[in-house]
Amino acid sequence: MIDMAWASQVVDAVAATWDDCDEAIIGIASRCGEYNLYVYDYDLLVAKFVGDGMTEEEAMEWIDYNIAGSWIGSGTPILMRRGPR
């Protein structure tokens, strides 16, 4: 998780967050002419929901439908998936 006090100063006012998922924020993304947005780590989100009592499969399904499948405007956070190393 990043320092949210710092992050709140860097992101644009339109930047949205997903409720109760701050521990999965890994950074801020920016692109020329676009808003600075929060970046969430998919694996950290899975771990968060598993910690809340879901199975890994339930967590992945919930994230895919409710987070990856959502658009909440121009401040919609970015969901990052790590590739193999």
PDB file of N, CA and C in Angstrom:
ATOM      1  N   MET A   1       0.855  -1.185   0.000  1.00  0.00           N
ATOM      2  CA  MET A   1       0.000   0.000   0.000  1.00  0.00           C
ATOM      3  C   MET A   1       0.892   1.236   0.000  1.00  0.00           C
ATOM      4  N   ILE A   2       0.454   2.227  -0.727  1.00  0.00           N
ATOM      5  CA  ILE A   2       1.223   3.471  -0.771  1.00  0.00           C
ATOM      6  C   ILE A   2       0.747   4.411   0.337  1.00  0.00           C
ATOM      7  N   ASP A   3       1.486   5.458   0.540  1.00  0.00           N
ATOM      8  CA  ASP A   3       1.117   6.487   1.525  1.00  0.00           C
ATOM      9  C   ASP A   3      -0.073   7.268   0.966  1.00  0.00           C
ATOM     10  N   MET A   4      -1.245   7.054   1.544  1.00  0.00           N
ATOM     11  CA  MET A   4      -2.469   7.678   1.027  1.00  0.00           C
ATOM     12  C   MET A   4      -2.480   9.197   1.213  1.00  0.00           C
ATOM     13  N   ALA A   5      -1.776   9.710   2.207  1.00  0.00           N
ATOM     14  CA  ALA A   5      -1.691  11.171   2.371  1.00  0.00           C
ATOM     15  C   ALA A   5      -0.959  11.772   1.172  1.00  0.00           C
ATOM     16  N   TRP A   6       0.139  11.130   0.771  1.00  0.00           N
ATOM     17  CA  TRP A   6       0.870  11.581  -0.414  1.00  0.00           C
ATOM     18  C   TRP A   6       0.012  11.404  -1.664  1.00  0.00           C
ATOM     19  N   ALA A   7      -0.588  10.223  -1.804  1.00  0.00           N
ATOM     20  CA  ALA A   7      -1.363   9.913  -3.008  1.00  0.00           C
ATOM     21  C   ALA A   7      -2.509  10.885  -3.204  1.00  0.00           C
ATOM     22  N   SER A   8      -3.168  11.264  -2.132  1.00  0.00           N
ATOM     23  CA  SER A   8      -4.313  12.175  -2.253  1.00  0.00           C
ATOM     24  C   SER A   8      -3.894  13.550  -2.751  1.00  0.00           C
ATOM     25  N   GLN A   9      -2.622  13.889  -2.600  1.00  0.00           N
ATOM     26  CA  GLN A   9      -2.123  15.166  -3.112  1.00  0.00           C
ATOM     27  C   GLN A   9      -1.716  15.076  -4.581  1.00  0.00           C
ATOM     28  N   VAL A  10      -1.464  13.854  -5.046  1.00  0.00           N
ATOM     29  CA  VAL A  10      -0.959  13.647  -6.406  1.00  0.00           C
ATOM     30  C   VAL A  10      -2.084  13.369  -7.400  1.00  0.00           C
ATOM     31  N   VAL A  11      -3.099  12.635  -6.971  1.00  0.00           N
ATOM     32  CA  VAL A  11      -4.177  12.287  -7.909  1.00  0.00           C
ATOM     33  C   VAL A  11      -5.079  13.491  -8.162  1.00  0.00           C
ATOM     34  N   ASP A  12      -5.798  13.424  -9.252  1.00  0.00           N
ATOM     35  CA  ASP A  12      -6.750  14.483  -9.570  1.00  0.00           C
ATOM     36  C   ASP A  12      -8.019  14.306  -8.746  1.00  0.00           C
ATOM     37  N   ALA A  13      -8.775  15.381  -8.616  1.00  0.00           N
ATOM     38  CA  ALA A  13      -9.992  15.378  -7.795  1.00  0.00           C
ATOM     39  C   ALA A  13     -11.012  14.349  -8.273  1.00  0.00           C
ATOM     40  N   VAL A  14     -10.992  13.996  -9.543  1.00  0.00           N
ATOM     41  CA  VAL A  14     -11.955  13.025 -10.077  1.00  0.00           C
ATOM     42  C   VAL A  14     -11.568  11.584  -9.771  1.00  0.00           C
ATOM     43  N   ALA A  15     -10.343  11.366  -9.280  1.00  0.00           N
ATOM     44  CA  ALA A  15      -9.857  10.002  -9.053  1.00  0.00           C
ATOM     45  C   ALA A  15     -10.701   9.295  -8.002  1.00  0.00           C
ATOM     46  N   ALA A  16     -11.259   8.164  -8.388  1.00  0.00           N
ATOM     47  CA  ALA A  16     -12.111   7.386  -7.494  1.00  0.00           C
ATOM     48  C   ALA A  16     -11.299   6.265  -6.848  1.00  0.00           C
ATOM     49  N   THR A  17     -11.816   5.776  -5.742  1.00  0.00           N
ATOM     50  CA  THR A  17     -11.249   4.592  -5.099  1.00  0.00           C
ATOM     51  C   THR A  17     -12.357   3.562  -4.941  1.00  0.00           C
ATOM     52  N   TRP A  18     -11.961   2.306  -4.763  1.00  0.00           N
ATOM     53  CA  TRP A  18     -12.927   1.256  -4.484  1.00  0.00           C
ATOM     54  C   TRP A  18     -13.023   1.108  -2.968  1.00  0.00           C
ATOM     55  N   ASP A  19     -14.213   1.066  -2.441  1.00  0.00           N
ATOM     56  CA  ASP A  19     -14.450   1.048  -0.995  1.00  0.00           C
ATOM     57  C   ASP A  19     -13.692  -0.073  -0.302  1.00  0.00           C
ATOM     58  N   ASP A  20     -13.041   0.292   0.797  1.00  0.00           N
ATOM     59  CA  ASP A  20     -12.353  -0.660   1.679  1.00  0.00           C
ATOM     60  C   ASP A  20     -11.271  -1.474   0.982  1.00  0.00           C
ATOM     61  N   CYS A  21     -10.656  -0.911  -0.056  1.00  0.00           N
ATOM     62  CA  CYS A  21      -9.622  -1.647  -0.786  1.00  0.00           C
ATOM     63  C   CYS A  21      -8.298  -0.884  -0.863  1.00  0.00           C
ATOM     64  N   ASP A  22      -8.113   0.105   0.003  1.00  0.00           N
ATOM     65  CA  ASP A  22      -6.906   0.933  -0.077  1.00  0.00           C
ATOM     66  C   ASP A  22      -5.616   0.128   0.021  1.00  0.00           C
ATOM     67  N   GLU A  23      -5.644  -1.015   0.739  1.00  0.00           N
ATOM     68  CA  GLU A  23      -4.414  -1.801   0.894  1.00  0.00           C
ATOM     69  C   GLU A  23      -3.931  -2.395  -0.426  1.00  0.00           C
ATOM     70  N   ALA A  24      -4.755  -2.356  -1.462  1.00  0.00           N
ATOM     71  CA  ALA A  24      -4.363  -2.885  -2.765  1.00  0.00           C
ATOM     72  C   ALA A  24      -3.901  -1.788  -3.724  1.00  0.00           C
ATOM     73  N   ILE A  25      -3.879  -0.538  -3.263  1.00  0.00           N
ATOM     74  CA  ILE A  25      -3.378   0.556  -4.106  1.00  0.00           C
ATOM     75  C   ILE A  25      -1.859   0.495  -4.112  1.00  0.00           C
ATOM     76  N   ILE A  26      -1.289   0.433  -5.308  1.00  0.00           N
ATOM     77  CA  ILE A  26       0.169   0.320  -5.412  1.00  0.00           C
ATOM     78  C   ILE A  26       0.823   1.545  -6.047  1.00  0.00           C
ATOM     79  N   GLY A  27       0.028   2.476  -6.532  1.00  0.00           N
ATOM     80  CA  GLY A  27       0.626   3.652  -7.143  1.00  0.00           C
ATOM     81  C   GLY A  27      -0.381   4.550  -7.813  1.00  0.00           C
ATOM     82  N   ILE A  28       0.172   5.498  -8.532  1.00  0.00           N
ATOM     83  CA  ILE A  28      -0.609   6.482  -9.279  1.00  0.00           C
ATOM     84  C   ILE A  28      -0.161   6.382 -10.741  1.00  0.00           C
ATOM     85  N   ALA A  29      -1.120   6.355 -11.651  1.00  0.00           N
ATOM     86  CA  ALA A  29      -0.799   6.322 -13.081  1.00  0.00           C
ATOM     87  C   ALA A  29      -1.120   7.672 -13.687  1.00  0.00           C
ATOM     88  N   SER A  30      -0.276   8.089 -14.609  1.00  0.00           N
ATOM     89  CA  SER A  30      -0.529   9.348 -15.300  1.00  0.00           C
ATOM     90  C   SER A  30      -0.197   9.175 -16.776  1.00  0.00           C
ATOM     91  N   ARG A  31      -0.907   9.959 -17.568  1.00  0.00           N
ATOM     92  CA  ARG A  31      -0.687   9.952 -19.011  1.00  0.00           C
ATOM     93  C   ARG A  31      -0.926  11.366 -19.497  1.00  0.00           C
ATOM     94  N   CYS A  32      -0.176  11.805 -20.459  1.00  0.00           N
ATOM     95  CA  CYS A  32      -0.277  13.164 -20.971  1.00  0.00           C
ATOM     96  C   CYS A  32      -1.719  13.494 -21.342  1.00  0.00           C
ATOM     97  N   GLY A  33      -2.239  14.573 -20.783  1.00  0.00           N
ATOM     98  CA  GLY A  33      -3.578  15.035 -21.108  1.00  0.00           C
ATOM     99  C   GLY A  33      -4.692  14.293 -20.400  1.00  0.00           C
ATOM    100  N   GLU A  34      -4.359  13.345 -19.508  1.00  0.00           N
ATOM    101  CA  GLU A  34      -5.355  12.559 -18.785  1.00  0.00           C
ATOM    102  C   GLU A  34      -5.206  12.792 -17.283  1.00  0.00           C
ATOM    103  N   TYR A  35      -6.168  12.299 -16.521  1.00  0.00           N
ATOM    104  CA  TYR A  35      -6.138  12.428 -15.069  1.00  0.00           C
ATOM    105  C   TYR A  35      -5.124  11.478 -14.449  1.00  0.00           C
ATOM    106  N   ASN A  36      -4.576  11.892 -13.295  1.00  0.00           N
ATOM    107  CA  ASN A  36      -3.766  11.003 -12.471  1.00  0.00           C
ATOM    108  C   ASN A  36      -4.731  10.130 -11.680  1.00  0.00           C
ATOM    109  N   LEU A  37      -4.577   8.813 -11.779  1.00  0.00           N
ATOM    110  CA  LEU A  37      -5.528   7.875 -11.194  1.00  0.00           C
ATOM    111  C   LEU A  37      -4.832   6.867 -10.288  1.00  0.00           C
ATOM    112  N   TYR A  38      -5.587   6.318  -9.347  1.00  0.00           N
ATOM    113  CA  TYR A  38      -5.080   5.263  -8.486  1.00  0.00           C
ATOM    114  C   TYR A  38      -4.906   3.976  -9.291  1.00  0.00           C
ATOM    115  N   VAL A  39      -3.876   3.215  -8.931  1.00  0.00           N
ATOM    116  CA  VAL A  39      -3.613   1.919  -9.553  1.00  0.00           C
ATOM    117  C   VAL A  39      -3.728   0.848  -8.471  1.00  0.00           C
ATOM    118  N   TYR A  40      -4.577  -0.147  -8.751  1.00  0.00           N
ATOM    119  CA  TYR A  40      -4.781  -1.268  -7.826  1.00  0.00           C
ATOM    120  C   TYR A  40      -4.106  -2.511  -8.372  1.00  0.00           C
ATOM    121  N   ASP A  41      -3.574  -3.324  -7.478  1.00  0.00           N
ATOM    122  CA  ASP A  41      -2.965  -4.598  -7.839  1.00  0.00           C
ATOM    123  C   ASP A  41      -4.006  -5.705  -7.708  1.00  0.00           C
ATOM    124  N   TYR A  42      -4.249  -6.433  -8.782  1.00  0.00           N
ATOM    125  CA  TYR A  42      -5.256  -7.495  -8.810  1.00  0.00           C
ATOM    126  C   TYR A  42      -4.984  -8.551  -7.729  1.00  0.00           C
ATOM    127  N   ASP A  43      -3.740  -8.989  -7.628  1.00  0.00           N
ATOM    128  CA  ASP A  43      -3.405 -10.035  -6.651  1.00  0.00           C
ATOM    129  C   ASP A  43      -3.627  -9.560  -5.212  1.00  0.00           C
ATOM    130  N   LEU A  44      -3.338  -8.293  -4.943  1.00  0.00           N
ATOM    131  CA  LEU A  44      -3.579  -7.760  -3.600  1.00  0.00           C
ATOM    132  C   LEU A  44      -5.070  -7.657  -3.308  1.00  0.00           C
ATOM    133  N   LEU A  45      -5.863  -7.363  -4.334  1.00  0.00           N
ATOM    134  CA  LEU A  45      -7.317  -7.361  -4.147  1.00  0.00           C
ATOM    135  C   LEU A  45      -7.824  -8.763  -3.832  1.00  0.00           C
ATOM    136  N   VAL A  46      -7.318  -9.760  -4.557  1.00  0.00           N
ATOM    137  CA  VAL A  46      -7.713 -11.144  -4.273  1.00  0.00           C
ATOM    138  C   VAL A  46      -7.366 -11.484  -2.831  1.00  0.00           C
ATOM    139  N   ALA A  47      -6.150 -11.159  -2.411  1.00  0.00           N
ATOM    140  CA  ALA A  47      -5.731 -11.455  -1.039  1.00  0.00           C
ATOM    141  C   ALA A  47      -6.620 -10.748  -0.023  1.00  0.00           C
ATOM    142  N   LYS A  48      -7.029  -9.518  -0.306  1.00  0.00           N
ATOM    143  CA  LYS A  48      -7.898  -8.764   0.601  1.00  0.00           C
ATOM    144  C   LYS A  48      -9.239  -9.474   0.781  1.00  0.00           C
ATOM    145  N   PHE A  49      -9.844  -9.900  -0.323  1.00  0.00           N
ATOM    146  CA  PHE A  49     -11.159 -10.537  -0.240  1.00  0.00           C
ATOM    147  C   PHE A  49     -11.074 -11.956   0.338  1.00  0.00           C
ATOM    148  N   VAL A  50      -9.983 -12.657   0.069  1.00  0.00           N
ATOM    149  CA  VAL A  50      -9.776 -13.954   0.713  1.00  0.00           C
ATOM    150  C   VAL A  50      -9.653 -13.745   2.224  1.00  0.00           C
ATOM    151  N   GLY A  51      -8.943 -12.706   2.627  1.00  0.00           N
ATOM    152  CA  GLY A  51      -8.826 -12.380   4.045  1.00  0.00           C
ATOM    153  C   GLY A  51     -10.154 -12.012   4.682  1.00  0.00           C
ATOM    154  N   ASP A  52     -11.081 -11.525   3.851  1.00  0.00           N
ATOM    155  CA  ASP A  52     -12.428 -11.190   4.338  1.00  0.00           C
ATOM    156  C   ASP A  52     -13.359 -12.401   4.371  1.00  0.00           C
ATOM    157  N   GLY A  53     -12.848 -13.579   3.940  1.00  0.00           N
ATOM    158  CA  GLY A  53     -13.656 -14.788   4.042  1.00  0.00           C
ATOM    159  C   GLY A  53     -14.075 -15.444   2.747  1.00  0.00           C
ATOM    160  N   MET A  54     -13.748 -14.860   1.601  1.00  0.00           N
ATOM    161  CA  MET A  54     -14.091 -15.482   0.324  1.00  0.00           C
ATOM    162  C   MET A  54     -13.051 -16.539  -0.022  1.00  0.00           C
ATOM    163  N   THR A  55     -13.440 -17.498  -0.871  1.00  0.00           N
ATOM    164  CA  THR A  55     -12.439 -18.385  -1.450  1.00  0.00           C
ATOM    165  C   THR A  55     -11.710 -17.585  -2.531  1.00  0.00           C
ATOM    166  N   GLU A  56     -10.578 -18.101  -2.992  1.00  0.00           N
ATOM    167  CA  GLU A  56      -9.849 -17.403  -4.045  1.00  0.00           C
ATOM    168  C   GLU A  56     -10.706 -17.290  -5.308  1.00  0.00           C
ATOM    169  N   GLU A  57     -11.414 -18.357  -5.641  1.00  0.00           N
ATOM    170  CA  GLU A  57     -12.277 -18.340  -6.825  1.00  0.00           C
ATOM    171  C   GLU A  57     -13.400 -17.315  -6.681  1.00  0.00           C
ATOM    172  N   GLU A  58     -14.029 -17.244  -5.508  1.00  0.00           N
ATOM    173  CA  GLU A  58     -15.085 -16.251  -5.270  1.00  0.00           C
ATOM    174  C   GLU A  58     -14.532 -14.838  -5.372  1.00  0.00           C
ATOM    175  N   ALA A  59     -13.342 -14.628  -4.807  1.00  0.00           N
ATOM    176  CA  ALA A  59     -12.721 -13.302  -4.847  1.00  0.00           C
ATOM    177  C   ALA A  59     -12.439 -12.874  -6.279  1.00  0.00           C
ATOM    178  N   MET A  60     -11.884 -13.778  -7.065  1.00  0.00           N
ATOM    179  CA  MET A  60     -11.569 -13.452  -8.457  1.00  0.00           C
ATOM    180  C   MET A  60     -12.836 -13.161  -9.255  1.00  0.00           C
ATOM    181  N   GLU A  61     -13.860 -13.945  -9.041  1.00  0.00           N
ATOM    182  CA  GLU A  61     -15.127 -13.714  -9.735  1.00  0.00           C
ATOM    183  C   GLU A  61     -15.731 -12.372  -9.328  1.00  0.00           C
ATOM    184  N   TRP A  62     -15.689 -12.063  -8.040  1.00  0.00           N
ATOM    185  CA  TRP A  62     -16.244 -10.803  -7.550  1.00  0.00           C
ATOM    186  C   TRP A  62     -15.481  -9.614  -8.130  1.00  0.00           C
ATOM    187  N   ILE A  63     -14.158  -9.709  -8.125  1.00  0.00           N
ATOM    188  CA  ILE A  63     -13.324  -8.628  -8.661  1.00  0.00           C
ATOM    189  C   ILE A  63     -13.577  -8.455 -10.157  1.00  0.00           C
ATOM    190  N   ASP A  64     -13.608  -9.564 -10.893  1.00  0.00           N
ATOM    191  CA  ASP A  64     -13.807  -9.484 -12.345  1.00  0.00           C
ATOM    192  C   ASP A  64     -15.135  -8.830 -12.700  1.00  0.00           C
ATOM    193  N   TYR A  65     -16.163  -9.117 -11.936  1.00  0.00           N
ATOM    194  CA  TYR A  65     -17.484  -8.562 -12.245  1.00  0.00           C
ATOM    195  C   TYR A  65     -17.654  -7.161 -11.685  1.00  0.00           C
ATOM    196  N   ASN A  66     -17.336  -6.950 -10.419  1.00  0.00           N
ATOM    197  CA  ASN A  66     -17.651  -5.702  -9.727  1.00  0.00           C
ATOM    198  C   ASN A  66     -16.583  -4.621  -9.815  1.00  0.00           C
ATOM    199  N   ILE A  67     -15.347  -5.013 -10.098  1.00  0.00           N
ATOM    200  CA  ILE A  67     -14.274  -4.015 -10.175  1.00  0.00           C
ATOM    201  C   ILE A  67     -13.778  -3.896 -11.614  1.00  0.00           C
ATOM    202  N   ALA A  68     -13.247  -4.981 -12.155  1.00  0.00           N
ATOM    203  CA  ALA A  68     -12.732  -4.933 -13.531  1.00  0.00           C
ATOM    204  C   ALA A  68     -13.844  -4.624 -14.519  1.00  0.00           C
ATOM    205  N   GLY A  69     -15.070  -5.038 -14.199  1.00  0.00           N
ATOM    206  CA  GLY A  69     -16.190  -4.817 -15.096  1.00  0.00           C
ATOM    207  C   GLY A  69     -16.971  -3.552 -14.842  1.00  0.00           C
ATOM    208  N   SER A  70     -16.401  -2.652 -14.047  1.00  0.00           N
ATOM    209  CA  SER A  70     -17.159  -1.430 -13.732  1.00  0.00           C
ATOM    210  C   SER A  70     -16.508  -0.197 -14.354  1.00  0.00           C
ATOM    211  N   TRP A  71     -17.339   0.743 -14.692  1.00  0.00           N
ATOM    212  CA  TRP A  71     -16.898   2.061 -15.173  1.00  0.00           C
ATOM    213  C   TRP A  71     -17.620   3.084 -14.318  1.00  0.00           C
ATOM    214  N   ILE A  72     -16.844   3.856 -13.571  1.00  0.00           N
ATOM    215  CA  ILE A  72     -17.460   4.859 -12.694  1.00  0.00           C
ATOM    216  C   ILE A  72     -17.053   6.268 -13.094  1.00  0.00           C
ATOM    217  N   GLY A  73     -16.824   6.429 -14.375  1.00  0.00           N
ATOM    218  CA  GLY A  73     -16.488   7.739 -14.904  1.00  0.00           C
ATOM    219  C   GLY A  73     -15.004   7.883 -15.199  1.00  0.00           C
ATOM    220  N   SER A  74     -14.604   9.095 -15.545  1.00  0.00           N
ATOM    221  CA  SER A  74     -13.220   9.345 -15.959  1.00  0.00           C
ATOM    222  C   SER A  74     -12.219   9.150 -14.831  1.00  0.00           C
ATOM    223  N   GLY A  75     -12.683   9.026 -13.609  1.00  0.00           N
ATOM    224  CA  GLY A  75     -11.796   8.778 -12.471  1.00  0.00           C
ATOM    225  C   GLY A  75     -11.702   7.324 -12.091  1.00  0.00           C
ATOM    226  N   THR A  76     -12.257   6.426 -12.923  1.00  0.00           N
ATOM    227  CA  THR A  76     -12.208   4.994 -12.625  1.00  0.00           C
ATOM    228  C   THR A  76     -10.758   4.552 -12.435  1.00  0.00           C
ATOM    229  N   PRO A  77     -10.464   3.884 -11.325  1.00  0.00           N
ATOM    230  CA  PRO A  77      -9.092   3.427 -11.084  1.00  0.00           C
ATOM    231  C   PRO A  77      -8.621   2.431 -12.137  1.00  0.00           C
ATOM    232  N   ILE A  78      -7.328   2.255 -12.177  1.00  0.00           N
ATOM    233  CA  ILE A  78      -6.695   1.305 -13.080  1.00  0.00           C
ATOM    234  C   ILE A  78      -6.431   0.019 -12.303  1.00  0.00           C
ATOM    235  N   LEU A  79      -6.730  -1.106 -12.909  1.00  0.00           N
ATOM    236  CA  LEU A  79      -6.489  -2.406 -12.297  1.00  0.00           C
ATOM    237  C   LEU A  79      -5.315  -3.054 -13.019  1.00  0.00           C
ATOM    238  N   MET A  80      -4.226  -3.312 -12.289  1.00  0.00           N
ATOM    239  CA  MET A  80      -3.024  -3.865 -12.864  1.00  0.00           C
ATOM    240  C   MET A  80      -2.897  -5.338 -12.506  1.00  0.00           C
ATOM    241  N   ARG A  81      -2.561  -6.138 -13.499  1.00  0.00           N
ATOM    242  CA  ARG A  81      -2.271  -7.551 -13.274  1.00  0.00           C
ATOM    243  C   ARG A  81      -0.808  -7.775 -13.611  1.00  0.00           C
ATOM    244  N   ARG A  82      -0.112  -8.397 -12.688  1.00  0.00           N
ATOM    245  CA  ARG A  82       1.306  -8.677 -12.915  1.00  0.00           C
ATOM    246  C   ARG A  82       1.459  -9.871 -13.851  1.00  0.00           C
ATOM    247  N   GLY A  83       2.394  -9.785 -14.736  1.00  0.00           N
ATOM    248  CA  GLY A  83       2.687 -10.901 -15.608  1.00  0.00           C
ATOM    249  C   GLY A  83       3.727 -11.811 -14.981  1.00  0.00           C
ATOM    250  N   PRO A  84       3.970 -12.936 -15.599  1.00  0.00           N
ATOM    251  CA  PRO A  84       5.008 -13.840 -15.085  1.00  0.00           C
ATOM    252  C   PRO A  84       6.371 -13.164 -15.117  1.00  0.00           C
ATOM    253  N   ARG A  85       7.190 -13.546 -14.178  1.00  0.00           N
ATOM    254  CA  ARG A  85       8.540 -12.941 -14.122  1.00  0.00           C
ATOM    255  C   ARG A  85       9.577 -13.906 -14.595  1.00  0.00           C
TER     256      ARG A  85
END
